[in-house]
Amino acid sequence: MIEILLADDHLIVREGIKSILRKYTNILIKKEVDNGENVIRELKREKYDILILDISLPKMNGIEVLEEIRRKNFNIKVLILSIHKQRDYIIRCFELGAFGYLTKDILVNELIKAIYSIYNGKKYISNDIIQEITDIFDFINHSSKKLSNREYQILIMIAQGKHIKEISKDLNINEKTVSTYRQRILKKLNLKNNAEIIYYCIKNNIININLYM
């Protein structure tokens, strides 16, 4: 029996998924929760094979949940089910250990395929974004040094054209700390300045090139 923890803040989505999976006698939605904090609370309390996780959760979003799962070393395979198709979300989820990524407009049979694949230890990504898989995994696997979560966040903000003062205000950290993170990013990625950060992020499809057109 494949035992699943389902995390989505929309009742209609949870009911839809439960309705689909009721037809499969070897798949069980053992518990459902509607926010990120309850995901972590439930993983401490009970054992599950797969977590089906939305990114846009209240109290603790899906990315934060993945970070906490990694920190706590929970033995759980995570399948992201989200409306988001942006590459930075996809990249970050796989970097943080997600086994699969589906968008919410998938066909029913693809959800089932993803569950079985992930249960058997295989990665899965939905067909509507399969074209992006090569460069996504190339970025993940061939970055010479991984950035920390904060460094990655600041990398994207710099690439979006934000200045140190803006980043400092948005993240509620002082400007000197932002500058220190920026220097670490440059060193880890072997870049020289903000222009190269922007080029790097566009080249690796971390941000959308349309922002600069």
N, C-alpha and C. Protein backbone atom coordinates (compact mmCIF):
# COMPACT_ATOMS: atom_id res chain seq x y z
N MET A 1 0.84 -1.20 0.00
CA MET A 1 0.00 0.00 0.00
C MET A 1 0.88 1.26 0.00
N ILE A 2 0.59 2.18 -0.91
CA ILE A 2 1.31 3.45 -0.98
C ILE A 2 0.52 4.46 -0.13
N GLU A 3 1.11 4.87 0.98
CA GLU A 3 0.42 5.77 1.90
C GLU A 3 0.87 7.21 1.65
N ILE A 4 -0.10 8.09 1.45
CA ILE A 4 0.17 9.46 1.00
C ILE A 4 -0.33 10.48 2.00
N LEU A 5 0.49 11.52 2.21
CA LEU A 5 0.08 12.73 2.91
C LEU A 5 -0.18 13.79 1.85
N LEU A 6 -1.38 14.35 1.83
CA LEU A 6 -1.78 15.33 0.84
C LEU A 6 -1.83 16.72 1.46
N ALA A 7 -1.09 17.67 0.88
CA ALA A 7 -1.03 19.03 1.42
C ALA A 7 -1.43 20.05 0.37
N ASP A 8 -2.61 20.62 0.53
CA ASP A 8 -3.10 21.68 -0.35
C ASP A 8 -4.11 22.50 0.44
N ASP A 9 -4.08 23.82 0.27
CA ASP A 9 -4.97 24.66 1.07
C ASP A 9 -6.36 24.83 0.45
N HIS A 10 -6.59 24.21 -0.71
CA HIS A 10 -7.90 24.30 -1.35
C HIS A 10 -8.65 22.97 -1.22
N LEU A 11 -9.79 23.01 -0.54
CA LEU A 11 -10.58 21.81 -0.30
C LEU A 11 -10.97 21.14 -1.61
N ILE A 12 -11.34 21.93 -2.61
CA ILE A 12 -11.80 21.36 -3.88
C ILE A 12 -10.68 20.57 -4.57
N VAL A 13 -9.44 21.03 -4.43
CA VAL A 13 -8.30 20.30 -5.01
C VAL A 13 -8.10 18.98 -4.26
N ARG A 14 -8.13 19.03 -2.94
CA ARG A 14 -7.96 17.81 -2.14
C ARG A 14 -9.05 16.79 -2.46
N GLU A 15 -10.30 17.27 -2.55
CA GLU A 15 -11.40 16.36 -2.85
C GLU A 15 -11.25 15.74 -4.23
N GLY A 16 -10.78 16.54 -5.19
CA GLY A 16 -10.56 16.03 -6.54
C GLY A 16 -9.51 14.94 -6.59
N ILE A 17 -8.41 15.16 -5.89
CA ILE A 17 -7.33 14.17 -5.85
C ILE A 17 -7.80 12.90 -5.15
N LYS A 18 -8.51 13.05 -4.03
CA LYS A 18 -9.02 11.88 -3.31
C LYS A 18 -9.99 11.08 -4.18
N SER A 19 -10.82 11.79 -4.94
CA SER A 19 -11.77 11.12 -5.82
C SER A 19 -11.06 10.30 -6.89
N ILE A 20 -9.98 10.85 -7.43
CA ILE A 20 -9.20 10.14 -8.45
C ILE A 20 -8.55 8.89 -7.86
N LEU A 21 -7.96 9.04 -6.69
CA LEU A 21 -7.15 7.96 -6.13
C LEU A 21 -7.97 6.87 -5.45
N ARG A 22 -9.25 7.13 -5.18
CA ARG A 22 -10.11 6.11 -4.57
C ARG A 22 -10.23 4.86 -5.45
N LYS A 23 -10.04 5.04 -6.74
CA LYS A 23 -10.18 3.92 -7.68
C LYS A 23 -9.01 2.94 -7.61
N TYR A 24 -7.94 3.35 -6.93
CA TYR A 24 -6.73 2.53 -6.89
C TYR A 24 -6.58 1.95 -5.48
N THR A 25 -6.77 0.65 -5.39
CA THR A 25 -6.83 0.01 -4.07
C THR A 25 -5.47 -0.05 -3.37
N ASN A 26 -4.39 0.15 -4.12
CA ASN A 26 -3.06 0.11 -3.51
C ASN A 26 -2.51 1.52 -3.22
N ILE A 27 -3.35 2.55 -3.35
CA ILE A 27 -2.95 3.93 -3.03
C ILE A 27 -3.94 4.47 -2.00
N LEU A 28 -3.41 5.01 -0.91
CA LEU A 28 -4.26 5.51 0.17
C LEU A 28 -3.86 6.92 0.57
N ILE A 29 -4.82 7.87 0.51
CA ILE A 29 -4.61 9.18 1.12
C ILE A 29 -4.81 9.00 2.62
N LYS A 30 -3.73 8.87 3.34
CA LYS A 30 -3.80 8.55 4.77
C LYS A 30 -4.18 9.76 5.60
N LYS A 31 -3.79 10.95 5.10
CA LYS A 31 -4.07 12.19 5.85
C LYS A 31 -4.00 13.37 4.90
N GLU A 32 -4.80 14.39 5.15
CA GLU A 32 -4.72 15.62 4.36
C GLU A 32 -4.55 16.81 5.30
N VAL A 33 -3.77 17.81 4.86
CA VAL A 33 -3.54 19.02 5.66
C VAL A 33 -3.65 20.23 4.74
N ASP A 34 -3.86 21.41 5.34
CA ASP A 34 -4.10 22.60 4.52
C ASP A 34 -3.07 23.71 4.73
N ASN A 35 -1.98 23.43 5.45
CA ASN A 35 -0.91 24.42 5.57
C ASN A 35 0.43 23.74 5.83
N GLY A 36 1.51 24.49 5.62
CA GLY A 36 2.85 23.92 5.71
C GLY A 36 3.25 23.47 7.10
N GLU A 37 2.84 24.22 8.11
CA GLU A 37 3.19 23.85 9.48
C GLU A 37 2.61 22.49 9.84
N ASN A 38 1.40 22.22 9.38
CA ASN A 38 0.78 20.93 9.66
C ASN A 38 1.45 19.78 8.91
N VAL A 39 2.05 20.09 7.77
CA VAL A 39 2.83 19.06 7.06
C VAL A 39 3.96 18.56 7.96
N ILE A 40 4.74 19.50 8.48
CA ILE A 40 5.88 19.13 9.32
C ILE A 40 5.41 18.45 10.60
N ARG A 41 4.35 18.95 11.19
CA ARG A 41 3.80 18.34 12.40
C ARG A 41 3.39 16.89 12.13
N GLU A 42 2.77 16.67 10.98
CA GLU A 42 2.30 15.32 10.64
C GLU A 42 3.47 14.38 10.33
N LEU A 43 4.51 14.88 9.69
CA LEU A 43 5.68 14.05 9.37
C LEU A 43 6.44 13.64 10.63
N LYS A 44 6.35 14.46 11.67
CA LYS A 44 6.96 14.10 12.95
C LYS A 44 6.15 13.01 13.66
N ARG A 45 4.85 13.00 13.37
CA ARG A 45 3.94 12.12 14.10
C ARG A 45 3.73 10.77 13.44
N GLU A 46 3.77 10.75 12.09
CA GLU A 46 3.34 9.56 11.35
C GLU A 46 4.28 9.30 10.17
N LYS A 47 4.31 8.08 9.69
CA LYS A 47 5.16 7.70 8.56
C LYS A 47 4.31 7.64 7.28
N TYR A 48 4.85 8.21 6.21
CA TYR A 48 4.18 8.20 4.91
C TYR A 48 5.20 7.82 3.84
N ASP A 49 4.70 7.30 2.71
CA ASP A 49 5.58 6.97 1.58
C ASP A 49 5.80 8.20 0.70
N ILE A 50 4.73 8.95 0.44
CA ILE A 50 4.80 10.09 -0.48
C ILE A 50 4.05 11.28 0.12
N LEU A 51 4.62 12.46 -0.06
CA LEU A 51 3.95 13.72 0.26
C LEU A 51 3.60 14.41 -1.06
N ILE A 52 2.31 14.61 -1.31
CA ILE A 52 1.89 15.44 -2.45
C ILE A 52 1.74 16.86 -1.92
N LEU A 53 2.57 17.77 -2.45
CA LEU A 53 2.76 19.08 -1.82
C LEU A 53 2.52 20.23 -2.80
N ASP A 54 1.63 21.14 -2.41
CA ASP A 54 1.45 22.39 -3.15
C ASP A 54 2.53 23.38 -2.72
N ILE A 55 2.95 24.27 -3.61
CA ILE A 55 3.94 25.29 -3.25
C ILE A 55 3.29 26.44 -2.48
N SER A 56 2.10 26.86 -2.91
CA SER A 56 1.47 28.04 -2.33
C SER A 56 0.62 27.67 -1.12
N LEU A 57 1.29 27.33 -0.03
CA LEU A 57 0.60 26.97 1.21
C LEU A 57 0.71 28.11 2.22
N PRO A 58 -0.30 28.30 3.06
CA PRO A 58 -0.18 29.31 4.14
C PRO A 58 0.71 28.81 5.27
N LYS A 59 1.18 29.74 6.09
CA LYS A 59 1.98 29.52 7.29
C LYS A 59 3.41 29.07 6.97
N MET A 60 3.57 28.14 6.06
CA MET A 60 4.90 27.72 5.60
C MET A 60 4.71 27.22 4.17
N ASN A 61 5.34 27.91 3.18
CA ASN A 61 5.09 27.51 1.80
C ASN A 61 5.83 26.22 1.44
N GLY A 62 5.57 25.70 0.25
CA GLY A 62 6.12 24.42 -0.15
C GLY A 62 7.64 24.39 -0.18
N ILE A 63 8.26 25.49 -0.59
CA ILE A 63 9.72 25.55 -0.61
C ILE A 63 10.27 25.45 0.81
N GLU A 64 9.64 26.18 1.73
CA GLU A 64 10.06 26.13 3.14
C GLU A 64 9.84 24.73 3.73
N VAL A 65 8.77 24.08 3.32
CA VAL A 65 8.52 22.71 3.78
C VAL A 65 9.63 21.78 3.30
N LEU A 66 10.01 21.90 2.03
CA LEU A 66 11.10 21.08 1.50
C LEU A 66 12.40 21.33 2.27
N GLU A 67 12.68 22.59 2.57
CA GLU A 67 13.88 22.93 3.33
C GLU A 67 13.86 22.27 4.70
N GLU A 68 12.69 22.29 5.35
CA GLU A 68 12.56 21.70 6.68
C GLU A 68 12.67 20.17 6.62
N ILE A 69 12.11 19.59 5.58
CA ILE A 69 12.22 18.13 5.39
C ILE A 69 13.69 17.73 5.25
N ARG A 70 14.44 18.54 4.50
CA ARG A 70 15.87 18.25 4.35
C ARG A 70 16.60 18.42 5.67
N ARG A 71 16.28 19.50 6.40
CA ARG A 71 16.94 19.75 7.69
C ARG A 71 16.67 18.63 8.69
N LYS A 72 15.42 18.18 8.73
CA LYS A 72 15.02 17.15 9.69
C LYS A 72 15.34 15.74 9.20
N ASN A 73 15.74 15.65 7.93
CA ASN A 73 16.08 14.35 7.33
C ASN A 73 14.92 13.36 7.39
N PHE A 74 13.71 13.85 7.09
CA PHE A 74 12.54 12.97 7.05
C PHE A 74 12.66 12.01 5.87
N ASN A 75 12.29 10.76 6.08
CA ASN A 75 12.34 9.77 5.01
C ASN A 75 11.01 9.78 4.26
N ILE A 76 10.88 10.72 3.33
CA ILE A 76 9.63 10.89 2.58
C ILE A 76 9.97 11.34 1.16
N LYS A 77 9.28 10.79 0.18
CA LYS A 77 9.44 11.22 -1.21
C LYS A 77 8.38 12.28 -1.49
N VAL A 78 8.81 13.40 -2.07
CA VAL A 78 7.90 14.54 -2.26
C VAL A 78 7.55 14.73 -3.73
N LEU A 79 6.25 14.81 -4.00
CA LEU A 79 5.73 15.12 -5.32
C LEU A 79 5.10 16.51 -5.26
N ILE A 80 5.66 17.46 -5.98
CA ILE A 80 5.10 18.81 -6.03
C ILE A 80 3.94 18.83 -7.02
N LEU A 81 2.81 19.39 -6.59
CA LEU A 81 1.65 19.57 -7.46
C LEU A 81 1.26 21.04 -7.37
N SER A 82 1.55 21.81 -8.41
CA SER A 82 1.48 23.26 -8.31
C SER A 82 0.95 23.90 -9.58
N ILE A 83 0.47 25.13 -9.46
CA ILE A 83 0.11 25.90 -10.65
C ILE A 83 1.34 26.55 -11.28
N HIS A 84 2.44 26.62 -10.53
CA HIS A 84 3.62 27.34 -10.98
C HIS A 84 4.43 26.54 -12.01
N LYS A 85 4.78 27.22 -13.12
CA LYS A 85 5.60 26.58 -14.14
C LYS A 85 6.95 27.28 -14.30
N GLN A 86 7.22 28.29 -13.46
CA GLN A 86 8.47 29.02 -13.59
C GLN A 86 9.66 28.11 -13.28
N ARG A 87 10.71 28.28 -14.05
CA ARG A 87 11.87 27.41 -13.91
C ARG A 87 12.54 27.54 -12.55
N ASP A 88 12.51 28.75 -11.97
CA ASP A 88 13.18 28.89 -10.68
C ASP A 88 12.50 28.05 -9.60
N TYR A 89 11.16 27.92 -9.69
CA TYR A 89 10.46 27.04 -8.75
C TYR A 89 10.86 25.58 -8.99
N ILE A 90 10.87 25.17 -10.24
CA ILE A 90 11.18 23.77 -10.58
C ILE A 90 12.60 23.43 -10.15
N ILE A 91 13.53 24.29 -10.49
CA ILE A 91 14.93 24.07 -10.12
C ILE A 91 15.08 23.96 -8.62
N ARG A 92 14.47 24.91 -7.90
CA ARG A 92 14.66 24.92 -6.44
C ARG A 92 14.06 23.68 -5.79
N CYS A 93 12.91 23.25 -6.27
CA CYS A 93 12.27 22.07 -5.68
C CYS A 93 13.14 20.83 -5.86
N PHE A 94 13.71 20.64 -7.03
CA PHE A 94 14.57 19.48 -7.25
C PHE A 94 15.89 19.61 -6.48
N GLU A 95 16.39 20.82 -6.39
CA GLU A 95 17.60 21.02 -5.58
C GLU A 95 17.37 20.63 -4.13
N LEU A 96 16.16 20.88 -3.65
CA LEU A 96 15.85 20.61 -2.25
C LEU A 96 15.36 19.17 -2.02
N GLY A 97 15.41 18.37 -3.07
CA GLY A 97 15.16 16.94 -2.89
C GLY A 97 13.82 16.41 -3.35
N ALA A 98 13.00 17.25 -4.03
CA ALA A 98 11.73 16.75 -4.55
C ALA A 98 11.98 15.63 -5.56
N PHE A 99 11.09 14.66 -5.58
CA PHE A 99 11.20 13.55 -6.53
C PHE A 99 10.40 13.80 -7.80
N GLY A 100 9.38 14.67 -7.72
CA GLY A 100 8.57 14.92 -8.90
C GLY A 100 7.95 16.30 -8.89
N TYR A 101 7.56 16.76 -10.08
CA TYR A 101 6.93 18.08 -10.21
C TYR A 101 5.84 17.97 -11.26
N LEU A 102 4.59 18.21 -10.84
CA LEU A 102 3.45 18.20 -11.74
C LEU A 102 2.74 19.55 -11.68
N THR A 103 2.15 19.95 -12.79
CA THR A 103 1.29 21.13 -12.77
C THR A 103 -0.16 20.68 -12.61
N LYS A 104 -1.00 21.57 -12.12
CA LYS A 104 -2.36 21.17 -11.74
C LYS A 104 -3.29 20.96 -12.93
N ASP A 105 -2.81 21.25 -14.14
CA ASP A 105 -3.64 20.98 -15.32
C ASP A 105 -3.29 19.66 -15.98
N ILE A 106 -2.65 18.75 -15.25
CA ILE A 106 -2.27 17.45 -15.77
C ILE A 106 -3.48 16.55 -16.00
N LEU A 107 -3.28 15.51 -16.80
CA LEU A 107 -4.30 14.48 -16.97
C LEU A 107 -4.22 13.51 -15.79
N VAL A 108 -5.33 12.85 -15.51
CA VAL A 108 -5.42 11.94 -14.37
C VAL A 108 -4.35 10.85 -14.43
N ASN A 109 -4.17 10.25 -15.62
CA ASN A 109 -3.23 9.12 -15.71
C ASN A 109 -1.80 9.55 -15.42
N GLU A 110 -1.50 10.85 -15.61
CA GLU A 110 -0.13 11.30 -15.33
C GLU A 110 0.12 11.39 -13.83
N LEU A 111 -0.89 11.76 -13.07
CA LEU A 111 -0.76 11.76 -11.61
C LEU A 111 -0.47 10.35 -11.11
N ILE A 112 -1.18 9.38 -11.65
CA ILE A 112 -0.99 7.99 -11.23
C ILE A 112 0.42 7.52 -11.61
N LYS A 113 0.83 7.82 -12.82
CA LYS A 113 2.19 7.44 -13.26
C LYS A 113 3.25 8.06 -12.36
N ALA A 114 3.03 9.32 -12.00
CA ALA A 114 4.01 10.01 -11.14
C ALA A 114 4.09 9.35 -9.77
N ILE A 115 2.96 9.00 -9.20
CA ILE A 115 2.95 8.36 -7.87
C ILE A 115 3.70 7.03 -7.91
N TYR A 116 3.41 6.20 -8.91
CA TYR A 116 4.09 4.91 -9.00
C TYR A 116 5.59 5.08 -9.25
N SER A 117 5.94 6.01 -10.13
CA SER A 117 7.36 6.25 -10.43
C SER A 117 8.13 6.69 -9.19
N ILE A 118 7.56 7.65 -8.47
CA ILE A 118 8.23 8.19 -7.29
C ILE A 118 8.32 7.14 -6.19
N TYR A 119 7.26 6.37 -6.02
CA TYR A 119 7.27 5.30 -5.02
C TYR A 119 8.41 4.31 -5.30
N ASN A 120 8.70 4.11 -6.58
CA ASN A 120 9.78 3.19 -6.98
C ASN A 120 11.14 3.88 -7.10
N GLY A 121 11.22 5.12 -6.59
CA GLY A 121 12.51 5.79 -6.51
C GLY A 121 12.95 6.53 -7.75
N LYS A 122 12.02 6.78 -8.69
CA LYS A 122 12.37 7.47 -9.93
C LYS A 122 11.85 8.90 -9.90
N LYS A 123 12.60 9.82 -10.53
CA LYS A 123 12.16 11.21 -10.64
C LYS A 123 11.04 11.30 -11.69
N TYR A 124 10.17 12.30 -11.51
CA TYR A 124 9.09 12.47 -12.48
C TYR A 124 8.78 13.95 -12.66
N ILE A 125 8.60 14.35 -13.92
CA ILE A 125 8.22 15.73 -14.22
C ILE A 125 7.13 15.71 -15.28
N SER A 126 6.14 16.58 -15.17
CA SER A 126 4.96 16.49 -16.03
C SER A 126 5.29 16.81 -17.48
N ASN A 127 4.48 16.24 -18.38
CA ASN A 127 4.74 16.34 -19.80
C ASN A 127 4.73 17.77 -20.33
N ASP A 128 3.92 18.63 -19.72
CA ASP A 128 3.82 20.00 -20.25
C ASP A 128 5.08 20.82 -19.99
N ILE A 129 5.98 20.34 -19.13
CA ILE A 129 7.25 21.04 -18.93
C ILE A 129 8.45 20.12 -19.18
N ILE A 130 8.19 18.97 -19.83
CA ILE A 130 9.25 18.00 -20.07
C ILE A 130 10.35 18.57 -20.96
N GLN A 131 9.97 19.52 -21.85
CA GLN A 131 10.95 20.11 -22.76
C GLN A 131 12.06 20.84 -22.00
N GLU A 132 11.75 21.27 -20.79
CA GLU A 132 12.70 22.05 -20.01
C GLU A 132 13.62 21.17 -19.16
N ILE A 133 13.37 19.88 -19.13
CA ILE A 133 14.06 19.03 -18.16
C ILE A 133 15.57 18.98 -18.39
N THR A 134 15.99 19.00 -19.65
CA THR A 134 17.42 18.87 -19.93
C THR A 134 18.22 20.00 -19.33
N ASP A 135 17.82 21.26 -19.61
CA ASP A 135 18.62 22.37 -19.08
C ASP A 135 18.38 22.57 -17.60
N ILE A 136 17.21 22.18 -17.07
CA ILE A 136 17.00 22.28 -15.63
C ILE A 136 17.97 21.37 -14.90
N PHE A 137 18.04 20.10 -15.31
CA PHE A 137 18.92 19.18 -14.61
C PHE A 137 20.39 19.45 -14.92
N ASP A 138 20.65 20.03 -16.10
CA ASP A 138 22.03 20.43 -16.40
C ASP A 138 22.47 21.50 -15.41
N PHE A 139 21.56 22.45 -15.12
CA PHE A 139 21.89 23.50 -14.15
C PHE A 139 22.11 22.91 -12.76
N ILE A 140 21.21 22.02 -12.35
CA ILE A 140 21.29 21.46 -11.00
C ILE A 140 22.56 20.62 -10.84
N ASN A 141 22.84 19.78 -11.81
CA ASN A 141 23.91 18.79 -11.67
C ASN A 141 25.30 19.33 -11.97
N HIS A 142 25.38 20.41 -12.75
CA HIS A 142 26.70 20.87 -13.18
C HIS A 142 27.13 22.21 -12.60
N SER A 143 26.30 22.81 -11.75
CA SER A 143 26.80 23.98 -11.02
C SER A 143 27.98 23.53 -10.17
N SER A 144 29.10 24.23 -10.30
CA SER A 144 30.32 23.77 -9.64
C SER A 144 30.16 23.75 -8.12
N LYS A 145 29.44 24.72 -7.58
CA LYS A 145 29.21 24.76 -6.14
C LYS A 145 27.78 25.20 -5.90
N LYS A 146 27.07 24.50 -5.04
CA LYS A 146 25.69 24.85 -4.76
C LYS A 146 25.61 26.12 -3.91
N LEU A 147 24.61 26.93 -4.25
CA LEU A 147 24.35 28.11 -3.44
C LEU A 147 23.46 27.73 -2.26
N SER A 148 23.61 28.46 -1.17
CA SER A 148 22.69 28.28 -0.04
C SER A 148 21.33 28.85 -0.45
N ASN A 149 20.31 28.56 0.35
CA ASN A 149 18.97 29.08 0.05
C ASN A 149 18.97 30.60 -0.03
N ARG A 150 19.64 31.26 0.92
CA ARG A 150 19.70 32.72 0.93
C ARG A 150 20.48 33.26 -0.26
N GLU A 151 21.59 32.60 -0.60
CA GLU A 151 22.39 33.03 -1.75
C GLU A 151 21.57 32.92 -3.03
N TYR A 152 20.84 31.83 -3.17
CA TYR A 152 20.00 31.63 -4.35
C TYR A 152 18.93 32.71 -4.45
N GLN A 153 18.33 33.04 -3.32
CA GLN A 153 17.30 34.08 -3.27
C GLN A 153 17.88 35.43 -3.71
N ILE A 154 19.06 35.76 -3.21
CA ILE A 154 19.69 37.03 -3.56
C ILE A 154 20.17 37.03 -5.00
N LEU A 155 20.65 35.89 -5.49
CA LEU A 155 21.03 35.77 -6.90
C LEU A 155 19.88 36.20 -7.80
N ILE A 156 18.68 35.67 -7.54
CA ILE A 156 17.52 35.99 -8.36
C ILE A 156 17.15 37.47 -8.24
N MET A 157 17.23 38.01 -7.03
CA MET A 157 16.86 39.41 -6.82
C MET A 157 17.82 40.35 -7.55
N ILE A 158 19.11 40.00 -7.53
CA ILE A 158 20.09 40.81 -8.28
C ILE A 158 19.80 40.71 -9.78
N ALA A 159 19.50 39.50 -10.24
CA ALA A 159 19.22 39.29 -11.66
C ALA A 159 17.96 40.03 -12.09
N GLN A 160 17.06 40.27 -11.15
CA GLN A 160 15.84 41.03 -11.45
C GLN A 160 16.08 42.53 -11.43
N GLY A 161 17.33 42.93 -11.18
CA GLY A 161 17.69 44.34 -11.23
C GLY A 161 17.58 45.08 -9.92
N LYS A 162 17.41 44.37 -8.82
CA LYS A 162 17.29 45.04 -7.52
C LYS A 162 18.66 45.43 -6.99
N HIS A 163 18.72 46.61 -6.37
CA HIS A 163 19.96 47.08 -5.77
C HIS A 163 20.11 46.54 -4.34
N ILE A 164 21.30 46.66 -3.82
CA ILE A 164 21.59 46.13 -2.48
C ILE A 164 20.63 46.72 -1.44
N LYS A 165 20.35 48.02 -1.55
CA LYS A 165 19.45 48.66 -0.59
C LYS A 165 18.05 48.05 -0.64
N GLU A 166 17.55 47.80 -1.86
CA GLU A 166 16.23 47.19 -2.03
C GLU A 166 16.19 45.78 -1.44
N ILE A 167 17.23 45.01 -1.74
CA ILE A 167 17.30 43.64 -1.25
C ILE A 167 17.34 43.63 0.27
N SER A 168 18.13 44.54 0.82
CA SER A 168 18.25 44.66 2.27
C SER A 168 16.88 44.91 2.90
N LYS A 169 16.13 45.81 2.31
CA LYS A 169 14.80 46.15 2.84
C LYS A 169 13.84 44.98 2.69
N ASP A 170 13.84 44.33 1.50
CA ASP A 170 12.91 43.23 1.22
C ASP A 170 13.16 42.03 2.14
N LEU A 171 14.43 41.74 2.44
CA LEU A 171 14.77 40.56 3.23
C LEU A 171 14.97 40.88 4.70
N ASN A 172 14.90 42.17 5.03
CA ASN A 172 15.07 42.61 6.42
C ASN A 172 16.44 42.20 6.99
N ILE A 173 17.47 42.39 6.17
CA ILE A 173 18.85 42.18 6.62
C ILE A 173 19.64 43.43 6.24
N ASN A 174 20.78 43.67 6.90
CA ASN A 174 21.50 44.92 6.60
C ASN A 174 22.25 44.83 5.27
N GLU A 175 22.62 46.00 4.75
CA GLU A 175 23.22 46.09 3.42
C GLU A 175 24.58 45.39 3.37
N LYS A 176 25.32 45.45 4.46
CA LYS A 176 26.62 44.79 4.51
C LYS A 176 26.47 43.28 4.34
N THR A 177 25.43 42.72 4.96
CA THR A 177 25.17 41.28 4.84
C THR A 177 24.82 40.92 3.40
N VAL A 178 24.02 41.76 2.75
CA VAL A 178 23.67 41.52 1.35
C VAL A 178 24.93 41.53 0.49
N SER A 179 25.80 42.50 0.73
CA SER A 179 27.05 42.60 -0.02
C SER A 179 27.92 41.36 0.17
N THR A 180 27.93 40.85 1.40
CA THR A 180 28.71 39.63 1.69
C THR A 180 28.15 38.45 0.91
N TYR A 181 26.83 38.30 0.89
CA TYR A 181 26.20 37.24 0.11
C TYR A 181 26.53 37.39 -1.38
N ARG A 182 26.48 38.63 -1.85
CA ARG A 182 26.77 38.89 -3.27
C ARG A 182 28.19 38.43 -3.61
N GLN A 183 29.15 38.73 -2.74
CA GLN A 183 30.53 38.32 -2.99
C GLN A 183 30.66 36.80 -3.01
N ARG A 184 29.93 36.14 -2.13
CA ARG A 184 29.96 34.66 -2.12
C ARG A 184 29.41 34.10 -3.42
N ILE A 185 28.31 34.70 -3.89
CA ILE A 185 27.69 34.25 -5.14
C ILE A 185 28.67 34.40 -6.30
N LEU A 186 29.30 35.56 -6.38
CA LEU A 186 30.26 35.81 -7.46
C LEU A 186 31.39 34.78 -7.42
N LYS A 187 31.87 34.50 -6.22
CA LYS A 187 32.99 33.56 -6.08
C LYS A 187 32.56 32.14 -6.44
N LYS A 188 31.43 31.69 -5.93
CA LYS A 188 30.97 30.34 -6.18
C LYS A 188 30.67 30.08 -7.65
N LEU A 189 30.13 31.08 -8.32
CA LEU A 189 29.73 30.91 -9.72
C LEU A 189 30.78 31.45 -10.69
N ASN A 190 31.90 31.91 -10.14
CA ASN A 190 33.01 32.43 -10.96
C ASN A 190 32.55 33.57 -11.88
N LEU A 191 31.84 34.52 -11.27
CA LEU A 191 31.34 35.68 -12.00
C LEU A 191 32.03 36.94 -11.47
N LYS A 192 31.93 38.03 -12.25
CA LYS A 192 32.67 39.24 -11.89
C LYS A 192 31.79 40.38 -11.38
N ASN A 193 30.57 40.48 -11.87
CA ASN A 193 29.74 41.64 -11.53
C ASN A 193 28.25 41.31 -11.74
N ASN A 194 27.40 42.31 -11.49
CA ASN A 194 25.96 42.09 -11.60
C ASN A 194 25.52 41.78 -13.03
N ALA A 195 26.19 42.39 -13.99
CA ALA A 195 25.86 42.11 -15.40
C ALA A 195 26.06 40.63 -15.72
N GLU A 196 27.13 40.05 -15.18
CA GLU A 196 27.39 38.63 -15.41
C GLU A 196 26.38 37.76 -14.65
N ILE A 197 25.93 38.23 -13.49
CA ILE A 197 24.88 37.51 -12.76
C ILE A 197 23.61 37.47 -13.60
N ILE A 198 23.23 38.61 -14.17
CA ILE A 198 22.03 38.68 -15.01
C ILE A 198 22.17 37.74 -16.21
N TYR A 199 23.32 37.80 -16.87
CA TYR A 199 23.55 36.93 -18.04
C TYR A 199 23.49 35.47 -17.64
N TYR A 200 24.10 35.14 -16.52
CA TYR A 200 24.12 33.75 -16.02
C TYR A 200 22.70 33.24 -15.78
N CYS A 201 21.87 34.07 -15.15
CA CYS A 201 20.51 33.66 -14.83
C CYS A 201 19.64 33.52 -16.08
N ILE A 202 19.85 34.39 -17.06
CA ILE A 202 19.12 34.28 -18.32
C ILE A 202 19.56 33.03 -19.09
N LYS A 203 20.87 32.84 -19.16
CA LYS A 203 21.43 31.69 -19.88
C LYS A 203 20.94 30.37 -19.31
N ASN A 204 20.83 30.29 -17.98
CA ASN A 204 20.40 29.06 -17.33
C ASN A 204 18.90 29.01 -17.07
N ASN A 205 18.17 29.98 -17.67
CA ASN A 205 16.71 30.02 -17.58
C ASN A 205 16.20 30.07 -16.14
N ILE A 206 16.96 30.72 -15.27
CA ILE A 206 16.53 30.89 -13.89
C ILE A 206 15.53 32.03 -13.79
N ILE A 207 15.70 33.03 -14.66
CA ILE A 207 14.72 34.10 -14.78
C ILE A 207 14.30 34.19 -16.23
N ASN A 208 13.17 34.84 -16.45
CA ASN A 208 12.60 34.97 -17.78
C ASN A 208 13.26 36.10 -18.54
N ILE A 209 13.77 35.82 -19.71
CA ILE A 209 14.47 36.83 -20.53
C ILE A 209 13.54 37.99 -20.90
N ASN A 210 12.21 37.72 -20.92
CA ASN A 210 11.26 38.77 -21.28
C ASN A 210 11.29 39.96 -20.33
N LEU A 211 11.84 39.75 -19.12
CA LEU A 211 11.96 40.85 -18.16
C LEU A 211 12.85 41.95 -18.70
N TYR A 212 13.73 41.62 -19.62
CA TYR A 212 14.74 42.57 -20.09
C TYR A 212 14.50 42.98 -21.53
N MET A 213 13.30 42.74 -22.04
CA MET A 213 13.01 43.08 -23.44
C MET A 213 11.92 44.14 -23.50
